[in-house]
Amino acid sequence: MQPLADLLAHIQDAQEQMLGTMPFRDFGSPARLGASETALATAEQRIGRALPPSYRAFLRLHDGWSRFYDGAALLGTATLGLRQYDDLARATFDAAETPVPDVGPPSRFKPRVLIPFGIDVQAMTLFVFNPAVCDASGEYEVIAWINELGIRRSSFPSFLEMIGELCDAELASDAQSGLTL
């Protein structure tokens, strides 16, 4: 698997290329500043558990990414674990009639079951961590809903690889359609 910084750079480069031919696409740039240890600790306290090491590393590089993919932002330390994102996640699950466990706020006795880390304003695109599936290095499974399509990846880096592949496929499709016009 590629290093995190390379995956992020690949996605950003592909998106910049897409904007050249598809200016209607809703892509943004990652935050310029990374999160402090204090901000990371506060976010982890808010969600009731440690962040996956790769997302923590992402937040140290960029404290969020507005309009990351299909208008969905990757949440930064100030927004991770806010009730409004849990509510939007619940609404998305309910609208898709997807059976999911309670994604309500953590209590003293029970941490969140799913942790939203990316969402768009209409809640049509949603990315959540599933801490119930965790590997030996502390990476959580990622569940993504993109335009009503549910996708699972073993970790945040695997999820980033998938987003890079989706961007590459769109670039290839755009290039191919440009040749036929």
C-alpha atoms as a PDB file:
ATOM      1  CA  MET A   1       0.000   0.000   0.000  1.00  0.00           C
ATOM      2  CA  GLN A   2       1.202   3.497  -0.855  1.00  0.00           C
ATOM      3  CA  PRO A   3       2.182   5.955   1.875  1.00  0.00           C
ATOM      4  CA  LEU A   4      -0.681   8.147   3.085  1.00  0.00           C
ATOM      5  CA  ALA A   5       0.817  11.380   1.708  1.00  0.00           C
ATOM      6  CA  ASP A   6       1.180   9.774  -1.761  1.00  0.00           C
ATOM      7  CA  LEU A   7      -2.450   8.586  -1.741  1.00  0.00           C
ATOM      8  CA  LEU A   8      -3.675  12.056  -0.779  1.00  0.00           C
ATOM      9  CA  ALA A   9      -1.483  13.739  -3.420  1.00  0.00           C
ATOM     10  CA  HIS A  10      -2.722  11.320  -6.097  1.00  0.00           C
ATOM     11  CA  ILE A  11      -6.366  12.084  -5.282  1.00  0.00           C
ATOM     12  CA  GLN A  12      -5.772  15.830  -5.260  1.00  0.00           C
ATOM     13  CA  ASP A  13      -3.884  15.684  -8.583  1.00  0.00           C
ATOM     14  CA  ALA A  14      -6.615  13.580 -10.233  1.00  0.00           C
ATOM     15  CA  GLN A  15      -9.299  15.958  -8.969  1.00  0.00           C
ATOM     16  CA  GLU A  16      -7.426  18.997 -10.282  1.00  0.00           C
ATOM     17  CA  GLN A  17      -7.215  17.291 -13.691  1.00  0.00           C
ATOM     18  CA  MET A  18     -10.942  16.513 -13.606  1.00  0.00           C
ATOM     19  CA  LEU A  19     -11.788  20.126 -12.785  1.00  0.00           C
ATOM     20  CA  GLY A  20     -10.004  21.141 -15.995  1.00  0.00           C
ATOM     21  CA  THR A  21     -12.547  19.269 -18.109  1.00  0.00           C
ATOM     22  CA  MET A  22     -15.433  18.926 -15.644  1.00  0.00           C
ATOM     23  CA  PRO A  23     -15.640  22.275 -13.805  1.00  0.00           C
ATOM     24  CA  PHE A  24     -19.079  21.295 -12.439  1.00  0.00           C
ATOM     25  CA  ARG A  25     -17.491  18.667 -10.168  1.00  0.00           C
ATOM     26  CA  ASP A  26     -17.518  19.582  -6.486  1.00  0.00           C
ATOM     27  CA  PHE A  27     -13.919  19.141  -5.350  1.00  0.00           C
ATOM     28  CA  GLY A  28     -11.993  21.172  -2.808  1.00  0.00           C
ATOM     29  CA  SER A  29      -8.577  21.162  -1.234  1.00  0.00           C
ATOM     30  CA  PRO A  30      -7.345  19.696   2.025  1.00  0.00           C
ATOM     31  CA  ALA A  31      -6.885  22.027   4.978  1.00  0.00           C
ATOM     32  CA  ARG A  32      -3.480  23.646   4.855  1.00  0.00           C
ATOM     33  CA  LEU A  33      -2.701  23.136   8.533  1.00  0.00           C
ATOM     34  CA  GLY A  34      -2.615  19.913  10.481  1.00  0.00           C
ATOM     35  CA  ALA A  35      -4.259  19.343  13.836  1.00  0.00           C
ATOM     36  CA  SER A  36      -2.442  19.712  17.135  1.00  0.00           C
ATOM     37  CA  GLU A  37      -2.164  16.853  19.637  1.00  0.00           C
ATOM     38  CA  THR A  38      -4.585  18.750  21.869  1.00  0.00           C
ATOM     39  CA  ALA A  39      -7.180  18.965  19.069  1.00  0.00           C
ATOM     40  CA  LEU A  40      -6.716  15.259  18.294  1.00  0.00           C
ATOM     41  CA  ALA A  41      -7.129  14.299  21.950  1.00  0.00           C
ATOM     42  CA  THR A  42     -10.277  16.435  22.213  1.00  0.00           C
ATOM     43  CA  ALA A  43     -11.791  14.780  19.117  1.00  0.00           C
ATOM     44  CA  GLU A  44     -10.963  11.317  20.474  1.00  0.00           C
ATOM     45  CA  GLN A  45     -12.549  12.209  23.799  1.00  0.00           C
ATOM     46  CA  ARG A  46     -15.668  13.440  21.972  1.00  0.00           C
ATOM     47  CA  ILE A  47     -16.044  10.191  19.981  1.00  0.00           C
ATOM     48  CA  GLY A  48     -15.220   8.039  22.996  1.00  0.00           C
ATOM     49  CA  ARG A  49     -12.317   6.102  21.472  1.00  0.00           C
ATOM     50  CA  ALA A  50      -8.993   6.417  19.671  1.00  0.00           C
ATOM     51  CA  LEU A  51      -9.001   7.371  16.011  1.00  0.00           C
ATOM     52  CA  PRO A  52      -7.511   4.878  13.552  1.00  0.00           C
ATOM     53  CA  PRO A  53      -3.761   5.600  13.221  1.00  0.00           C
ATOM     54  CA  SER A  54      -4.052   6.452   9.499  1.00  0.00           C
ATOM     55  CA  TYR A  55      -6.867   8.994  10.028  1.00  0.00           C
ATOM     56  CA  ARG A  56      -4.954  10.454  12.930  1.00  0.00           C
ATOM     57  CA  ALA A  57      -1.943  10.801  10.582  1.00  0.00           C
ATOM     58  CA  PHE A  58      -4.190  12.432   7.964  1.00  0.00           C
ATOM     59  CA  LEU A  59      -5.432  14.940  10.547  1.00  0.00           C
ATOM     60  CA  ARG A  60      -1.832  15.731  11.542  1.00  0.00           C
ATOM     61  CA  LEU A  61      -1.186  16.620   7.869  1.00  0.00           C
ATOM     62  CA  HIS A  62      -4.554  18.272   7.096  1.00  0.00           C
ATOM     63  CA  ASP A  63      -7.194  18.945   9.711  1.00  0.00           C
ATOM     64  CA  GLY A  64     -10.015  17.993   7.329  1.00  0.00           C
ATOM     65  CA  TRP A  65     -10.687  18.257   3.606  1.00  0.00           C
ATOM     66  CA  SER A  66     -13.674  20.241   2.343  1.00  0.00           C
ATOM     67  CA  ARG A  67     -15.407  18.808  -0.747  1.00  0.00           C
ATOM     68  CA  PHE A  68     -13.178  15.717  -0.715  1.00  0.00           C
ATOM     69  CA  TYR A  69     -15.304  13.535  -3.003  1.00  0.00           C
ATOM     70  CA  ASP A  70     -18.788  14.013  -4.456  1.00  0.00           C
ATOM     71  CA  GLY A  71     -19.190  17.079  -2.261  1.00  0.00           C
ATOM     72  CA  ALA A  72     -18.474  15.162   0.944  1.00  0.00           C
ATOM     73  CA  ALA A  73     -15.932  16.640   3.324  1.00  0.00           C
ATOM     74  CA  LEU A  74     -13.504  14.643   5.440  1.00  0.00           C
ATOM     75  CA  LEU A  75     -14.207  15.922   8.925  1.00  0.00           C
ATOM     76  CA  GLY A  76     -11.522  17.621  10.962  1.00  0.00           C
ATOM     77  CA  THR A  77     -10.967  17.589  14.702  1.00  0.00           C
ATOM     78  CA  ALA A  78     -13.470  20.398  15.329  1.00  0.00           C
ATOM     79  CA  THR A  79     -16.332  18.471  13.701  1.00  0.00           C
ATOM     80  CA  LEU A  80     -15.588  14.783  14.368  1.00  0.00           C
ATOM     81  CA  GLY A  81     -18.148  13.383  16.772  1.00  0.00           C
ATOM     82  CA  LEU A  82     -20.633  16.256  16.632  1.00  0.00           C
ATOM     83  CA  ARG A  83     -24.219  15.150  17.152  1.00  0.00           C
ATOM     84  CA  GLN A  84     -25.400  16.682  13.862  1.00  0.00           C
ATOM     85  CA  TYR A  85     -23.198  14.259  11.895  1.00  0.00           C
ATOM     86  CA  ASP A  86     -24.502  11.295  13.882  1.00  0.00           C
ATOM     87  CA  ASP A  87     -28.044  12.482  13.105  1.00  0.00           C
ATOM     88  CA  LEU A  88     -27.266  12.863   9.387  1.00  0.00           C
ATOM     89  CA  ALA A  89     -25.709   9.384   9.368  1.00  0.00           C
ATOM     90  CA  ARG A  90     -28.827   7.958  11.002  1.00  0.00           C
ATOM     91  CA  ALA A  91     -31.044   9.714   8.429  1.00  0.00           C
ATOM     92  CA  THR A  92     -28.917   8.307   5.595  1.00  0.00           C
ATOM     93  CA  PHE A  93     -29.153   4.788   7.002  1.00  0.00           C
ATOM     94  CA  ASP A  94     -32.910   5.134   7.506  1.00  0.00           C
ATOM     95  CA  ALA A  95     -33.475   6.534   3.991  1.00  0.00           C
ATOM     96  CA  ALA A  96     -31.497   3.659   2.472  1.00  0.00           C
ATOM     97  CA  GLU A  97     -33.334   1.208   4.723  1.00  0.00           C
ATOM     98  CA  THR A  98     -29.925  -0.054   5.791  1.00  0.00           C
ATOM     99  CA  PRO A  99     -29.978  -1.913   9.092  1.00  0.00           C
ATOM    100  CA  VAL A 100     -27.274  -0.425  11.283  1.00  0.00           C
ATOM    101  CA  PRO A 101     -26.659  -0.353  14.981  1.00  0.00           C
ATOM    102  CA  ASP A 102     -27.337   2.752  17.049  1.00  0.00           C
ATOM    103  CA  VAL A 103     -24.995   5.560  16.005  1.00  0.00           C
ATOM    104  CA  GLY A 104     -26.033   7.886  18.802  1.00  0.00           C
ATOM    105  CA  PRO A 105     -23.664   9.805  21.006  1.00  0.00           C
ATOM    106  CA  PRO A 106     -21.373   7.886  23.325  1.00  0.00           C
ATOM    107  CA  SER A 107     -22.366   7.437  26.922  1.00  0.00           C
ATOM    108  CA  ARG A 108     -20.113   6.770  29.878  1.00  0.00           C
ATOM    109  CA  PHE A 109     -20.745   3.088  29.286  1.00  0.00           C
ATOM    110  CA  LYS A 110     -20.896   2.679  25.511  1.00  0.00           C
ATOM    111  CA  PRO A 111     -18.744   4.331  22.813  1.00  0.00           C
ATOM    112  CA  ARG A 112     -20.151   5.074  19.363  1.00  0.00           C
ATOM    113  CA  VAL A 113     -20.753   2.029  17.207  1.00  0.00           C
ATOM    114  CA  LEU A 114     -20.102   3.839  13.897  1.00  0.00           C
ATOM    115  CA  ILE A 115     -18.100   7.048  13.604  1.00  0.00           C
ATOM    116  CA  PRO A 116     -18.981   9.410  10.727  1.00  0.00           C
ATOM    117  CA  PHE A 117     -15.814  10.985   9.332  1.00  0.00           C
ATOM    118  CA  GLY A 118     -17.088  12.286   6.002  1.00  0.00           C
ATOM    119  CA  ILE A 119     -20.424  13.557   4.729  1.00  0.00           C
ATOM    120  CA  ASP A 120     -21.972  15.894   2.177  1.00  0.00           C
ATOM    121  CA  VAL A 121     -24.662  18.477   2.902  1.00  0.00           C
ATOM    122  CA  GLN A 122     -27.488  16.340   1.521  1.00  0.00           C
ATOM    123  CA  ALA A 123     -26.180  13.224   3.336  1.00  0.00           C
ATOM    124  CA  MET A 124     -26.087  11.326   0.023  1.00  0.00           C
ATOM    125  CA  THR A 125     -22.390  10.585   0.439  1.00  0.00           C
ATOM    126  CA  LEU A 126     -21.300   9.315   3.830  1.00  0.00           C
ATOM    127  CA  PHE A 127     -18.093   7.763   5.172  1.00  0.00           C
ATOM    128  CA  VAL A 128     -18.002   6.060   8.585  1.00  0.00           C
ATOM    129  CA  PHE A 129     -15.498   4.078  10.608  1.00  0.00           C
ATOM    130  CA  ASN A 130     -16.710   0.760  11.965  1.00  0.00           C
ATOM    131  CA  PRO A 131     -14.619   0.116  15.110  1.00  0.00           C
ATOM    132  CA  ALA A 132     -16.271  -3.305  15.492  1.00  0.00           C
ATOM    133  CA  VAL A 133     -13.946  -4.434  12.685  1.00  0.00           C
ATOM    134  CA  CYS A 134     -10.434  -3.460  13.733  1.00  0.00           C
ATOM    135  CA  ASP A 135      -7.104  -4.944  12.658  1.00  0.00           C
ATOM    136  CA  ALA A 136      -4.030  -5.520  14.811  1.00  0.00           C
ATOM    137  CA  SER A 137      -2.625  -2.069  14.008  1.00  0.00           C
ATOM    138  CA  GLY A 138      -5.783  -0.291  15.209  1.00  0.00           C
ATOM    139  CA  GLU A 139      -7.216   0.464  11.755  1.00  0.00           C
ATOM    140  CA  TYR A 140     -11.024   0.444  11.570  1.00  0.00           C
ATOM    141  CA  GLU A 141     -13.094  -0.798   8.682  1.00  0.00           C
ATOM    142  CA  VAL A 142     -14.529   1.998   6.515  1.00  0.00           C
ATOM    143  CA  ILE A 143     -18.103   1.868   5.251  1.00  0.00           C
ATOM    144  CA  ALA A 144     -18.950   4.354   2.513  1.00  0.00           C
ATOM    145  CA  TRP A 145     -22.279   5.241   0.945  1.00  0.00           C
ATOM    146  CA  ILE A 146     -21.775   7.051  -2.344  1.00  0.00           C
ATOM    147  CA  ASN A 147     -25.000   7.787  -4.227  1.00  0.00           C
ATOM    148  CA  GLU A 148     -26.781   4.896  -2.482  1.00  0.00           C
ATOM    149  CA  LEU A 149     -23.972   2.435  -3.225  1.00  0.00           C
ATOM    150  CA  GLY A 150     -22.556   0.807  -0.089  1.00  0.00           C
ATOM    151  CA  ILE A 151     -18.837   0.027  -0.100  1.00  0.00           C
ATOM    152  CA  ARG A 152     -16.636  -1.515   2.588  1.00  0.00           C
ATOM    153  CA  ARG A 153     -12.871  -1.155   2.842  1.00  0.00           C
ATOM    154  CA  SER A 154     -10.546  -2.622   5.446  1.00  0.00           C
ATOM    155  CA  SER A 155      -8.962   0.712   6.426  1.00  0.00           C
ATOM    156  CA  PHE A 156      -8.707   4.427   5.686  1.00  0.00           C
ATOM    157  CA  PRO A 157      -5.684   3.913   3.345  1.00  0.00           C
ATOM    158  CA  SER A 158      -7.636   1.231   1.438  1.00  0.00           C
ATOM    159  CA  PHE A 159     -10.564   3.672   1.231  1.00  0.00           C
ATOM    160  CA  LEU A 160      -8.219   6.368  -0.163  1.00  0.00           C
ATOM    161  CA  GLU A 161      -6.942   3.896  -2.775  1.00  0.00           C
ATOM    162  CA  MET A 162     -10.542   3.267  -3.829  1.00  0.00           C
ATOM    163  CA  ILE A 163     -11.251   7.014  -4.124  1.00  0.00           C
ATOM    164  CA  GLY A 164      -8.073   7.381  -6.221  1.00  0.00           C
ATOM    165  CA  GLU A 165      -9.263   4.535  -8.470  1.00  0.00           C
ATOM    166  CA  LEU A 166     -12.701   6.165  -8.852  1.00  0.00           C
ATOM    167  CA  CYS A 167     -11.015   9.445  -9.837  1.00  0.00           C
ATOM    168  CA  ASP A 168      -8.733   7.633 -12.310  1.00  0.00           C
ATOM    169  CA  ALA A 169     -11.734   5.853 -13.854  1.00  0.00           C
ATOM    170  CA  GLU A 170     -13.568   9.161 -14.285  1.00  0.00           C
ATOM    171  CA  LEU A 171     -10.487  10.714 -15.904  1.00  0.00           C
ATOM    172  CA  ALA A 172     -10.150   7.763 -18.284  1.00  0.00           C
ATOM    173  CA  SER A 173     -13.858   7.882 -19.141  1.00  0.00           C
ATOM    174  CA  ASP A 174     -13.693  11.622 -19.766  1.00  0.00           C
ATOM    175  CA  ALA A 175     -10.596  11.223 -21.956  1.00  0.00           C
ATOM    176  CA  GLN A 176     -12.245   8.425 -23.921  1.00  0.00           C
ATOM    177  CA  SER A 177     -15.483  10.370 -24.437  1.00  0.00           C
ATOM    178  CA  GLY A 178     -13.440  13.363 -25.591  1.00  0.00           C
ATOM    179  CA  LEU A 179     -11.878  11.243 -28.339  1.00  0.00           C
ATOM    180  CA  THR A 180     -15.248  10.189 -29.727  1.00  0.00           C
ATOM    181  CA  LEU A 181     -16.718  13.699 -30.060  1.00  0.00           C
END
